[in-house]
C-alpha atoms as a PDB file:
ATOM      1  CA  UNK A   1      -1.843   0.282 -22.744  1.00  0.00           C
ATOM      2  CA  UNK A   2      -1.361  -1.948 -19.685  1.00  0.00           C
ATOM      3  CA  UNK A   3      -3.365  -4.443 -18.067  1.00  0.00           C
ATOM      4  CA  UNK A   4      -5.803  -3.658 -15.367  1.00  0.00           C
ATOM      5  CA  UNK A   5      -4.794  -6.526 -13.098  1.00  0.00           C
ATOM      6  CA  UNK A   6      -3.631  -5.319  -9.534  1.00  0.00           C
ATOM      7  CA  UNK A   7      -3.416  -1.523  -8.773  1.00  0.00           C
ATOM      8  CA  UNK A   8      -0.327   0.209  -8.675  1.00  0.00           C
ATOM      9  CA  UNK A   9       1.612   0.339  -5.274  1.00  0.00           C
ATOM     10  CA  UNK A  10       0.467   3.476  -3.360  1.00  0.00           C
ATOM     11  CA  UNK A  11       2.648   2.865  -0.350  1.00  0.00           C
ATOM     12  CA  UNK A  12       4.944   5.779  -1.290  1.00  0.00           C
ATOM     13  CA  UNK A  13       2.161   8.163  -1.771  1.00  0.00           C
ATOM     14  CA  UNK A  14       0.574   7.019   1.782  1.00  0.00           C
ATOM     15  CA  UNK A  15       4.023   7.380   3.298  1.00  0.00           C
ATOM     16  CA  UNK A  16       4.483  11.040   1.955  1.00  0.00           C
ATOM     17  CA  UNK A  17       1.228  11.726   3.316  1.00  0.00           C
ATOM     18  CA  UNK A  18       1.979  10.581   6.631  1.00  0.00           C
ATOM     19  CA  UNK A  19       5.156  12.009   6.913  1.00  0.00           C
ATOM     20  CA  UNK A  20       3.713  15.601   5.861  1.00  0.00           C
ATOM     21  CA  UNK A  21       0.792  15.342   8.244  1.00  0.00           C
ATOM     22  CA  UNK A  22       3.131  13.913  11.216  1.00  0.00           C
ATOM     23  CA  UNK A  23       5.522  16.923  10.861  1.00  0.00           C
ATOM     24  CA  UNK A  24       2.570  19.194  10.822  1.00  0.00           C
ATOM     25  CA  UNK A  25       1.234  17.469  14.087  1.00  0.00           C
ATOM     26  CA  UNK A  26      -2.209  16.562  12.537  1.00  0.00           C
ATOM     27  CA  UNK A  27      -4.543  14.523  14.639  1.00  0.00           C
ATOM     28  CA  UNK A  28      -4.440  10.684  13.651  1.00  0.00           C
ATOM     29  CA  UNK A  29      -8.440  10.717  12.763  1.00  0.00           C
ATOM     30  CA  UNK A  30      -7.823  13.406  10.153  1.00  0.00           C
ATOM     31  CA  UNK A  31      -4.798  11.561   8.696  1.00  0.00           C
ATOM     32  CA  UNK A  32      -6.940   8.281   8.505  1.00  0.00           C
ATOM     33  CA  UNK A  33      -9.560  10.380   6.544  1.00  0.00           C
ATOM     34  CA  UNK A  34      -6.936  11.785   4.167  1.00  0.00           C
ATOM     35  CA  UNK A  35      -5.475   8.336   3.849  1.00  0.00           C
ATOM     36  CA  UNK A  36      -8.767   6.891   2.680  1.00  0.00           C
ATOM     37  CA  UNK A  37      -9.479   9.806   0.328  1.00  0.00           C
ATOM     38  CA  UNK A  38      -5.965   9.436  -1.111  1.00  0.00           C
ATOM     39  CA  UNK A  39      -6.728   5.752  -1.806  1.00  0.00           C
ATOM     40  CA  UNK A  40      -9.977   6.374  -3.552  1.00  0.00           C
ATOM     41  CA  UNK A  41      -8.343   9.077  -6.009  1.00  0.00           C
ATOM     42  CA  UNK A  42      -5.374   6.875  -6.566  1.00  0.00           C
ATOM     43  CA  UNK A  43      -7.479   3.922  -7.450  1.00  0.00           C
ATOM     44  CA  UNK A  44      -9.769   5.825  -9.468  1.00  0.00           C
ATOM     45  CA  UNK A  45      -6.883   7.400 -11.573  1.00  0.00           C
ATOM     46  CA  UNK A  46      -5.617   3.896 -12.342  1.00  0.00           C
ATOM     47  CA  UNK A  47      -8.924   2.211 -12.835  1.00  0.00           C
ATOM     48  CA  UNK A  48     -10.804   5.100 -14.783  1.00  0.00           C
ATOM     49  CA  UNK A  49      -8.111   7.446 -15.849  1.00  0.00           C
ATOM     50  CA  UNK A  50      -5.956   4.574 -17.224  1.00  0.00           C
ATOM     51  CA  UNK A  51      -2.768   5.560 -15.448  1.00  0.00           C
ATOM     52  CA  UNK A  52      -0.227   2.942 -14.567  1.00  0.00           C
ATOM     53  CA  UNK A  53       1.294   5.255 -12.067  1.00  0.00           C
ATOM     54  CA  UNK A  54      -0.838   7.935 -10.951  1.00  0.00           C
ATOM     55  CA  UNK A  55       1.098  11.230 -10.045  1.00  0.00           C
ATOM     56  CA  UNK A  56       0.336  12.248  -6.405  1.00  0.00           C
ATOM     57  CA  UNK A  57       1.233  15.746  -4.776  1.00  0.00           C
ATOM     58  CA  UNK A  58       0.938  16.367  -1.059  1.00  0.00           C
ATOM     59  CA  UNK A  59       1.110  19.834   0.216  1.00  0.00           C
ATOM     60  CA  UNK A  60       0.339  21.439   3.532  1.00  0.00           C
ATOM     61  CA  UNK A  61      -0.074  25.021   3.581  1.00  0.00           C
ATOM     62  CA  UNK A  62      -1.395  27.386   6.111  1.00  0.00           C
ATOM     63  CA  UNK A  63      -3.086  24.550   7.823  1.00  0.00           C
ATOM     64  CA  UNK A  64      -4.583  23.178   4.833  1.00  0.00           C
ATOM     65  CA  UNK A  65      -3.817  19.798   3.399  1.00  0.00           C
ATOM     66  CA  UNK A  66      -4.019  19.458  -0.275  1.00  0.00           C
ATOM     67  CA  UNK A  67      -3.672  16.162  -2.059  1.00  0.00           C
ATOM     68  CA  UNK A  68      -3.885  16.022  -5.931  1.00  0.00           C
ATOM     69  CA  UNK A  69      -3.926  13.031  -8.003  1.00  0.00           C
ATOM     70  CA  UNK A  70      -3.184  13.304 -11.765  1.00  0.00           C
ATOM     71  CA  UNK A  71      -3.558  10.934 -14.617  1.00  0.00           C
ATOM     72  CA  UNK A  72      -3.467  11.479 -18.499  1.00  0.00           C
ATOM     73  CA  UNK A  73      -7.037  10.870 -19.143  1.00  0.00           C
ATOM     74  CA  UNK A  74      -8.898  14.176 -19.795  1.00  0.00           C
ATOM     75  CA  UNK A  75     -12.122  12.845 -19.006  1.00  0.00           C
ATOM     76  CA  UNK A  76     -13.494  14.486 -15.895  1.00  0.00           C
ATOM     77  CA  UNK A  77     -14.989  12.136 -13.084  1.00  0.00           C
ATOM     78  CA  UNK A  78     -18.548  11.879 -12.697  1.00  0.00           C
ATOM     79  CA  UNK A  79     -20.171  11.380  -9.281  1.00  0.00           C
ATOM     80  CA  UNK A  80     -22.964   8.796  -9.363  1.00  0.00           C
ATOM     81  CA  UNK A  81     -26.062   9.423  -7.621  1.00  0.00           C
ATOM     82  CA  UNK A  82     -25.294   6.442  -5.201  1.00  0.00           C
ATOM     83  CA  UNK A  83     -28.928   5.480  -5.086  1.00  0.00           C
ATOM     84  CA  UNK A  84     -28.287   1.752  -6.027  1.00  0.00           C
ATOM     85  CA  UNK A  85     -27.703   0.325  -2.492  1.00  0.00           C
ATOM     86  CA  UNK A  86     -26.516  -3.035  -4.096  1.00  0.00           C
ATOM     87  CA  UNK A  87     -23.815  -1.442  -6.384  1.00  0.00           C
ATOM     88  CA  UNK A  88     -20.386  -2.915  -5.852  1.00  0.00           C
ATOM     89  CA  UNK A  89     -18.734   0.476  -7.181  1.00  0.00           C
ATOM     90  CA  UNK A  90     -19.491   4.047  -7.758  1.00  0.00           C
ATOM     91  CA  UNK A  91     -19.207   5.411  -4.049  1.00  0.00           C
ATOM     92  CA  UNK A  92     -15.764   6.664  -4.257  1.00  0.00           C
ATOM     93  CA  UNK A  93     -16.465  10.287  -4.882  1.00  0.00           C
ATOM     94  CA  UNK A  94     -19.109  10.373  -2.274  1.00  0.00           C
ATOM     95  CA  UNK A  95     -16.666   8.983   0.218  1.00  0.00           C
ATOM     96  CA  UNK A  96     -14.105  11.448  -0.575  1.00  0.00           C
ATOM     97  CA  UNK A  97     -16.775  14.324  -0.378  1.00  0.00           C
ATOM     98  CA  UNK A  98     -17.969  12.987   2.999  1.00  0.00           C
ATOM     99  CA  UNK A  99     -14.112  12.728   4.380  1.00  0.00           C
ATOM    100  CA  UNK A 100     -12.835  15.982   3.316  1.00  0.00           C
ATOM    101  CA  UNK A 101     -13.580  19.519   3.359  1.00  0.00           C
ATOM    102  CA  UNK A 102     -13.324  20.327  -0.236  1.00  0.00           C
ATOM    103  CA  UNK A 103     -12.584  18.591  -3.512  1.00  0.00           C
ATOM    104  CA  UNK A 104     -12.582  19.117  -7.241  1.00  0.00           C
ATOM    105  CA  UNK A 105     -11.136  18.477 -10.490  1.00  0.00           C
ATOM    106  CA  UNK A 106      -8.541  20.598 -12.549  1.00  0.00           C
ATOM    107  CA  UNK A 107      -8.192  19.869 -16.376  1.00  0.00           C
ATOM    108  CA  UNK A 108      -4.538  19.897 -17.451  1.00  0.00           C
ATOM    109  CA  UNK A 109      -2.911  20.303 -20.826  1.00  0.00           C
ATOM    110  CA  UNK A 110      -2.436  16.312 -20.716  1.00  0.00           C
ATOM    111  CA  UNK A 111      -5.242  14.880 -18.568  1.00  0.00           C
ATOM    112  CA  UNK A 112      -6.584  15.902 -15.222  1.00  0.00           C
ATOM    113  CA  UNK A 113      -6.068  16.407 -11.408  1.00  0.00           C
ATOM    114  CA  UNK A 114      -8.438  15.472  -8.848  1.00  0.00           C
ATOM    115  CA  UNK A 115      -7.775  16.988  -5.528  1.00  0.00           C
ATOM    116  CA  UNK A 116      -9.059  17.345  -2.087  1.00  0.00           C
ATOM    117  CA  UNK A 117      -8.330  19.518   0.912  1.00  0.00           C
ATOM    118  CA  UNK A 118      -8.707  18.882   4.542  1.00  0.00           C
ATOM    119  CA  UNK A 119      -8.462  21.846   7.231  1.00  0.00           C
ATOM    120  CA  UNK A 120      -6.209  20.996  10.256  1.00  0.00           C
ATOM    121  CA  UNK A 121      -8.535  22.884  12.620  1.00  0.00           C
ATOM    122  CA  UNK A 122     -11.457  20.774  11.896  1.00  0.00           C
END
């Protein structure tokens, strides 16, 4: 097991996202939303999924950006109700839901993938 000190470097995943959306001509505000959602899923995979290096896949197909972040923990994420205004954590999935058009979780043979989608025409 690894130490939960500093989170792993997500700059390569962020750069891949930026390159893909730039090549596709995406608007900067949508790219910014995607970056924030990616960071949330990446940190959750590290913090709650126990992954020292989450696996990130970025795909744009038919005007839809899909970003998947995978870890080896089979426990599916639980979205908290967000009713505590003083909580220091627990709002990540609410943020992902508000910034993206769709998000979900896919169980895998070894762990899970948490993903989101953004539509270009939005």
